[in-house]
Amino acid sequence: MHLYQVFRNSGALAGNNKRFNYCPECGAMFAKKELGKFTRQTCDHCDFVAYLNPDPGITVLIRSPDKKILIGKRSEKARYGNKWCLPGGYIEYEETFLETAHREVLEETGLEIRIEGIVNVVSNLLDDYHHTIVIILIGDVSGGRQRPGDDLIDLRWIDRDQHERMDYAFAADRKIIDCYFQGTMTVVPVDKRFLL
């Protein structure tokens, strides 16, 4: 199966939904909020440039010894609530993507993991307000006690047949799990200091 890396559901000028009214540096009002694709807001008063960047995140394919994959059900209050997804989340400032993987998996599943490597990087243009770039990792459980947490309310180990019937929050999760069960995934090793 082809390993997809771009998932687009948003409009061509979605960036206009993320524009500032006022300059975050000096507080002056921006002259324009609606701009063309890839055009940046620039403050006429202090020359501050407002860059629009996708939010960086990670997701983790966690394997069981019998080759099942762990997914979580998102709470009703979460974006794309009551749907299933891989464990993961946003990379915090001053945190590496590997540290994020360990933290997010522990927060959402109660499990500690051993990361094997990177299996994909995807751009998710999810809607007109939410664009992400996500590093997808694969690993195994190394400790902890399984329990849902953070914005997940349920956890489930799924096999290939169960995967086909799941209602996923993100198209990227469905595709990457497809690739896992079809055995078409290549793993790029990561820094050994962060494997456990």
C-alpha atoms as a PDB file:
ATOM      1  CA  MET A   1       0.000   0.000   0.000  1.00  0.00           C
ATOM      2  CA  HIS A   2       1.168   3.502  -0.812  1.00  0.00           C
ATOM      3  CA  LEU A   3       2.244   5.423   2.296  1.00  0.00           C
ATOM      4  CA  TYR A   4       0.203   8.638   2.179  1.00  0.00           C
ATOM      5  CA  GLN A   5       1.725  11.755   3.693  1.00  0.00           C
ATOM      6  CA  VAL A   6      -0.761  14.557   2.973  1.00  0.00           C
ATOM      7  CA  PHE A   7      -4.358  14.640   4.213  1.00  0.00           C
ATOM      8  CA  ARG A   8      -6.302  17.722   3.095  1.00  0.00           C
ATOM      9  CA  ASN A   9      -9.765  18.697   4.332  1.00  0.00           C
ATOM     10  CA  SER A  10      -9.394  22.457   4.706  1.00  0.00           C
ATOM     11  CA  GLY A  11     -10.022  25.297   2.305  1.00  0.00           C
ATOM     12  CA  ALA A  12      -7.391  27.043   0.189  1.00  0.00           C
ATOM     13  CA  LEU A  13      -7.361  30.200   2.346  1.00  0.00           C
ATOM     14  CA  ALA A  14      -7.720  28.563   5.758  1.00  0.00           C
ATOM     15  CA  GLY A  15      -4.871  30.760   7.054  1.00  0.00           C
ATOM     16  CA  ASN A  16      -7.224  33.736   7.163  1.00  0.00           C
ATOM     17  CA  ASN A  17      -8.975  32.059  10.101  1.00  0.00           C
ATOM     18  CA  LYS A  18      -5.726  32.240  12.093  1.00  0.00           C
ATOM     19  CA  ARG A  19      -4.831  35.908  11.461  1.00  0.00           C
ATOM     20  CA  PHE A  20      -4.269  38.363  14.309  1.00  0.00           C
ATOM     21  CA  ASN A  21      -6.313  41.513  14.905  1.00  0.00           C
ATOM     22  CA  TYR A  22      -3.437  43.167  16.758  1.00  0.00           C
ATOM     23  CA  CYS A  23       0.333  42.867  16.602  1.00  0.00           C
ATOM     24  CA  PRO A  24       1.578  40.608  19.417  1.00  0.00           C
ATOM     25  CA  GLU A  25       4.793  42.691  19.657  1.00  0.00           C
ATOM     26  CA  CYS A  26       3.536  46.289  19.908  1.00  0.00           C
ATOM     27  CA  GLY A  27      -0.252  46.009  20.070  1.00  0.00           C
ATOM     28  CA  ALA A  28      -0.915  48.036  16.902  1.00  0.00           C
ATOM     29  CA  MET A  29      -3.905  46.993  14.814  1.00  0.00           C
ATOM     30  CA  PHE A  30      -3.035  44.975  11.721  1.00  0.00           C
ATOM     31  CA  ALA A  31      -4.153  46.665   8.523  1.00  0.00           C
ATOM     32  CA  LYS A  32      -5.493  43.437   6.944  1.00  0.00           C
ATOM     33  CA  LYS A  33      -6.825  40.144   8.240  1.00  0.00           C
ATOM     34  CA  GLU A  34      -7.632  38.533   4.910  1.00  0.00           C
ATOM     35  CA  LEU A  35      -4.597  37.804   2.796  1.00  0.00           C
ATOM     36  CA  GLY A  36      -3.643  35.555  -0.092  1.00  0.00           C
ATOM     37  CA  LYS A  37      -2.197  32.071   0.343  1.00  0.00           C
ATOM     38  CA  PHE A  38       1.240  32.135   2.018  1.00  0.00           C
ATOM     39  CA  THR A  39       1.046  35.927   2.551  1.00  0.00           C
ATOM     40  CA  ARG A  40       2.203  36.965   6.025  1.00  0.00           C
ATOM     41  CA  GLN A  41       0.760  39.688   8.207  1.00  0.00           C
ATOM     42  CA  THR A  42       3.308  42.446   8.784  1.00  0.00           C
ATOM     43  CA  CYS A  43       2.916  45.200  11.343  1.00  0.00           C
ATOM     44  CA  ASP A  44       3.106  48.675   9.801  1.00  0.00           C
ATOM     45  CA  HIS A  45       4.224  50.068  13.165  1.00  0.00           C
ATOM     46  CA  CYS A  46       7.090  47.763  14.298  1.00  0.00           C
ATOM     47  CA  ASP A  47       7.673  45.505  11.235  1.00  0.00           C
ATOM     48  CA  PHE A  48       6.779  42.336  13.195  1.00  0.00           C
ATOM     49  CA  VAL A  49       5.986  39.448  10.830  1.00  0.00           C
ATOM     50  CA  ALA A  50       3.308  36.935  11.906  1.00  0.00           C
ATOM     51  CA  TYR A  51       4.262  33.518  10.553  1.00  0.00           C
ATOM     52  CA  LEU A  52       1.573  30.861  10.299  1.00  0.00           C
ATOM     53  CA  ASN A  53       2.960  27.403  10.943  1.00  0.00           C
ATOM     54  CA  PRO A  54       1.289  24.032  11.394  1.00  0.00           C
ATOM     55  CA  ASP A  55       1.235  22.639  14.917  1.00  0.00           C
ATOM     56  CA  PRO A  56       3.901  19.928  15.377  1.00  0.00           C
ATOM     57  CA  GLY A  57       2.901  16.651  16.953  1.00  0.00           C
ATOM     58  CA  ILE A  58       3.578  12.945  17.275  1.00  0.00           C
ATOM     59  CA  THR A  59       1.519   9.781  17.233  1.00  0.00           C
ATOM     60  CA  VAL A  60       2.707   6.331  18.228  1.00  0.00           C
ATOM     61  CA  LEU A  61       1.819   2.896  16.899  1.00  0.00           C
ATOM     62  CA  ILE A  62       2.138   0.761  20.027  1.00  0.00           C
ATOM     63  CA  ARG A  63       2.378  -2.970  19.252  1.00  0.00           C
ATOM     64  CA  SER A  64       1.406  -5.853  21.482  1.00  0.00           C
ATOM     65  CA  PRO A  65       3.372  -9.138  21.474  1.00  0.00           C
ATOM     66  CA  ASP A  66       0.589 -10.641  19.304  1.00  0.00           C
ATOM     67  CA  LYS A  67       0.934  -7.717  16.805  1.00  0.00           C
ATOM     68  CA  LYS A  68      -2.212  -5.809  17.769  1.00  0.00           C
ATOM     69  CA  ILE A  69      -2.208  -1.987  17.850  1.00  0.00           C
ATOM     70  CA  LEU A  70      -3.384   0.201  20.735  1.00  0.00           C
ATOM     71  CA  ILE A  71      -5.897   2.948  19.945  1.00  0.00           C
ATOM     72  CA  GLY A  72      -7.849   5.308  22.173  1.00  0.00           C
ATOM     73  CA  LYS A  73     -11.337   6.779  22.080  1.00  0.00           C
ATOM     74  CA  ARG A  74     -11.396  10.571  22.295  1.00  0.00           C
ATOM     75  CA  SER A  75     -13.627  12.185  24.915  1.00  0.00           C
ATOM     76  CA  GLU A  76     -16.803  13.899  23.787  1.00  0.00           C
ATOM     77  CA  LYS A  77     -15.280  17.304  24.640  1.00  0.00           C
ATOM     78  CA  ALA A  78     -12.111  16.757  22.579  1.00  0.00           C
ATOM     79  CA  ARG A  79     -11.820  17.905  18.977  1.00  0.00           C
ATOM     80  CA  TYR A  80     -13.233  15.047  16.845  1.00  0.00           C
ATOM     81  CA  GLY A  81     -14.743  13.566  20.012  1.00  0.00           C
ATOM     82  CA  ASN A  82     -16.095  10.028  20.365  1.00  0.00           C
ATOM     83  CA  LYS A  83     -13.820   8.831  17.562  1.00  0.00           C
ATOM     84  CA  TRP A  84     -10.723   6.620  17.772  1.00  0.00           C
ATOM     85  CA  CYS A  85      -7.093   7.596  17.275  1.00  0.00           C
ATOM     86  CA  LEU A  86      -3.522   6.587  17.917  1.00  0.00           C
ATOM     87  CA  PRO A  87      -2.013   7.922  21.160  1.00  0.00           C
ATOM     88  CA  GLY A  88      -0.157  11.189  20.650  1.00  0.00           C
ATOM     89  CA  GLY A  89      -0.201  14.935  20.982  1.00  0.00           C
ATOM     90  CA  TYR A  90       1.549  18.232  20.485  1.00  0.00           C
ATOM     91  CA  ILE A  91       5.274  18.801  20.918  1.00  0.00           C
ATOM     92  CA  GLU A  92       5.886  21.342  23.677  1.00  0.00           C
ATOM     93  CA  TYR A  93       8.477  24.103  23.439  1.00  0.00           C
ATOM     94  CA  GLU A  94      11.897  22.883  24.724  1.00  0.00           C
ATOM     95  CA  GLU A  95      10.774  19.239  24.310  1.00  0.00           C
ATOM     96  CA  THR A  96      12.104  16.843  21.672  1.00  0.00           C
ATOM     97  CA  PHE A  97       9.659  14.836  19.573  1.00  0.00           C
ATOM     98  CA  LEU A  98      10.913  11.661  21.278  1.00  0.00           C
ATOM     99  CA  GLU A  99      10.332  13.120  24.743  1.00  0.00           C
ATOM    100  CA  THR A 100       6.854  14.095  23.558  1.00  0.00           C
ATOM    101  CA  ALA A 101       6.165  10.507  22.494  1.00  0.00           C
ATOM    102  CA  HIS A 102       7.050   9.147  25.933  1.00  0.00           C
ATOM    103  CA  ARG A 103       5.099  11.872  27.773  1.00  0.00           C
ATOM    104  CA  GLU A 104       1.968  11.707  25.617  1.00  0.00           C
ATOM    105  CA  VAL A 105       1.791   7.901  25.660  1.00  0.00           C
ATOM    106  CA  LEU A 106       2.172   7.874  29.453  1.00  0.00           C
ATOM    107  CA  GLU A 107      -0.491  10.601  29.881  1.00  0.00           C
ATOM    108  CA  GLU A 108      -2.994   8.997  27.520  1.00  0.00           C
ATOM    109  CA  THR A 109      -2.431   5.273  28.149  1.00  0.00           C
ATOM    110  CA  GLY A 110      -0.513   4.900  31.443  1.00  0.00           C
ATOM    111  CA  LEU A 111       2.135   2.930  29.550  1.00  0.00           C
ATOM    112  CA  GLU A 112       5.864   3.345  29.153  1.00  0.00           C
ATOM    113  CA  ILE A 113       7.232   2.520  25.717  1.00  0.00           C
ATOM    114  CA  ARG A 114      10.369   1.553  23.889  1.00  0.00           C
ATOM    115  CA  ILE A 115      10.480   3.459  20.599  1.00  0.00           C
ATOM    116  CA  GLU A 116      11.812   1.536  17.611  1.00  0.00           C
ATOM    117  CA  GLY A 117      11.745   4.323  15.044  1.00  0.00           C
ATOM    118  CA  ILE A 118       9.940   6.668  12.687  1.00  0.00           C
ATOM    119  CA  VAL A 119       7.487   5.178  10.193  1.00  0.00           C
ATOM    120  CA  ASN A 120       6.106   8.316   8.532  1.00  0.00           C
ATOM    121  CA  VAL A 121       5.655  12.084   8.691  1.00  0.00           C
ATOM    122  CA  VAL A 122       2.305  13.522   7.586  1.00  0.00           C
ATOM    123  CA  SER A 123       0.710  16.892   6.947  1.00  0.00           C
ATOM    124  CA  ASN A 124      -2.865  17.037   8.254  1.00  0.00           C
ATOM    125  CA  LEU A 125      -4.870  19.972   6.926  1.00  0.00           C
ATOM    126  CA  LEU A 126      -7.742  18.855   9.120  1.00  0.00           C
ATOM    127  CA  ASP A 127     -10.095  21.820   8.826  1.00  0.00           C
ATOM    128  CA  ASP A 128      -9.936  25.581   8.313  1.00  0.00           C
ATOM    129  CA  TYR A 129      -8.621  26.146  11.853  1.00  0.00           C
ATOM    130  CA  HIS A 130      -6.369  23.171  12.466  1.00  0.00           C
ATOM    131  CA  HIS A 131      -3.261  22.173  10.487  1.00  0.00           C
ATOM    132  CA  THR A 132      -0.630  19.824  11.902  1.00  0.00           C
ATOM    133  CA  ILE A 133       2.576  18.118  10.890  1.00  0.00           C
ATOM    134  CA  VAL A 134       2.862  14.787  12.682  1.00  0.00           C
ATOM    135  CA  ILE A 135       5.806  12.430  13.163  1.00  0.00           C
ATOM    136  CA  ILE A 136       4.537   8.860  13.422  1.00  0.00           C
ATOM    137  CA  LEU A 137       6.608   6.484  15.553  1.00  0.00           C
ATOM    138  CA  ILE A 138       6.383   2.778  16.306  1.00  0.00           C
ATOM    139  CA  GLY A 139       7.242   1.041  19.548  1.00  0.00           C
ATOM    140  CA  ASP A 140       6.419  -1.537  22.176  1.00  0.00           C
ATOM    141  CA  VAL A 141       5.253  -1.459  25.793  1.00  0.00           C
ATOM    142  CA  SER A 142       8.127  -1.478  28.286  1.00  0.00           C
ATOM    143  CA  GLY A 143       6.229  -0.822  31.528  1.00  0.00           C
ATOM    144  CA  GLY A 144       3.438   1.053  33.244  1.00  0.00           C
ATOM    145  CA  ARG A 145      -0.181   0.143  33.852  1.00  0.00           C
ATOM    146  CA  GLN A 146      -2.709   0.539  31.060  1.00  0.00           C
ATOM    147  CA  ARG A 147      -5.446   3.109  31.772  1.00  0.00           C
ATOM    148  CA  PRO A 148      -6.994   5.840  29.610  1.00  0.00           C
ATOM    149  CA  GLY A 149      -6.091   9.410  30.494  1.00  0.00           C
ATOM    150  CA  ASP A 150      -5.873  13.007  29.282  1.00  0.00           C
ATOM    151  CA  ASP A 151      -8.438  13.322  26.447  1.00  0.00           C
ATOM    152  CA  LEU A 152      -8.856   9.548  25.923  1.00  0.00           C
ATOM    153  CA  ILE A 153     -11.723   7.773  27.680  1.00  0.00           C
ATOM    154  CA  ASP A 154     -11.153   4.209  26.462  1.00  0.00           C
ATOM    155  CA  LEU A 155      -8.282   2.085  25.142  1.00  0.00           C
ATOM    156  CA  ARG A 156      -8.515  -0.901  22.841  1.00  0.00           C
ATOM    157  CA  TRP A 157      -6.012  -3.347  21.343  1.00  0.00           C
ATOM    158  CA  ILE A 158      -7.173  -4.061  17.797  1.00  0.00           C
ATOM    159  CA  ASP A 159      -6.332  -6.596  15.138  1.00  0.00           C
ATOM    160  CA  ARG A 160      -6.678  -6.132  11.402  1.00  0.00           C
ATOM    161  CA  ASP A 161     -10.373  -7.075  11.270  1.00  0.00           C
ATOM    162  CA  GLN A 162     -11.314  -4.775  14.145  1.00  0.00           C
ATOM    163  CA  HIS A 163      -9.313  -1.956  12.544  1.00  0.00           C
ATOM    164  CA  GLU A 164     -11.505  -2.100   9.431  1.00  0.00           C
ATOM    165  CA  ARG A 165     -14.597  -1.323  11.527  1.00  0.00           C
ATOM    166  CA  MET A 166     -13.238   1.562  13.625  1.00  0.00           C
ATOM    167  CA  ASP A 167     -14.503   5.147  13.320  1.00  0.00           C
ATOM    168  CA  TYR A 168     -11.220   7.094  13.308  1.00  0.00           C
ATOM    169  CA  ALA A 169     -10.851  10.786  14.055  1.00  0.00           C
ATOM    170  CA  PHE A 170      -7.990  11.185  11.575  1.00  0.00           C
ATOM    171  CA  ALA A 171      -7.566   9.768   8.067  1.00  0.00           C
ATOM    172  CA  ALA A 172      -3.807   9.596   8.655  1.00  0.00           C
ATOM    173  CA  ASP A 173      -4.291   7.162  11.555  1.00  0.00           C
ATOM    174  CA  ARG A 174      -6.411   4.853   9.399  1.00  0.00           C
ATOM    175  CA  LYS A 175      -3.835   4.861   6.570  1.00  0.00           C
ATOM    176  CA  ILE A 176      -0.836   4.286   8.821  1.00  0.00           C
ATOM    177  CA  ILE A 177      -2.577   1.392  10.602  1.00  0.00           C
ATOM    178  CA  ASP A 178      -3.522  -0.017   7.161  1.00  0.00           C
ATOM    179  CA  CYS A 179       0.180  -0.010   6.272  1.00  0.00           C
ATOM    180  CA  TYR A 180       1.112  -1.672   9.560  1.00  0.00           C
ATOM    181  CA  PHE A 181      -1.320  -4.558   9.082  1.00  0.00           C
ATOM    182  CA  GLN A 182      -0.316  -4.969   5.423  1.00  0.00           C
ATOM    183  CA  GLY A 183       3.366  -5.180   6.377  1.00  0.00           C
ATOM    184  CA  THR A 184       4.408  -2.354   4.029  1.00  0.00           C
ATOM    185  CA  MET A 185       6.005  -0.157   6.670  1.00  0.00           C
ATOM    186  CA  THR A 186       9.657   0.848   6.768  1.00  0.00           C
ATOM    187  CA  VAL A 187      11.122   1.863  10.119  1.00  0.00           C
ATOM    188  CA  VAL A 188      13.803   4.567  10.346  1.00  0.00           C
ATOM    189  CA  PRO A 189      15.795   4.086  13.595  1.00  0.00           C
ATOM    190  CA  VAL A 190      15.908   6.878  16.177  1.00  0.00           C
ATOM    191  CA  ASP A 191      18.548   8.133  18.593  1.00  0.00           C
ATOM    192  CA  LYS A 192      19.275   5.197  20.919  1.00  0.00           C
ATOM    193  CA  ARG A 193      19.366   7.486  23.978  1.00  0.00           C
ATOM    194  CA  PHE A 194      15.584   7.821  23.654  1.00  0.00           C
ATOM    195  CA  LEU A 195      14.570   4.204  23.022  1.00  0.00           C
ATOM    196  CA  LEU A 196      13.362   3.612  26.609  1.00  0.00           C
END
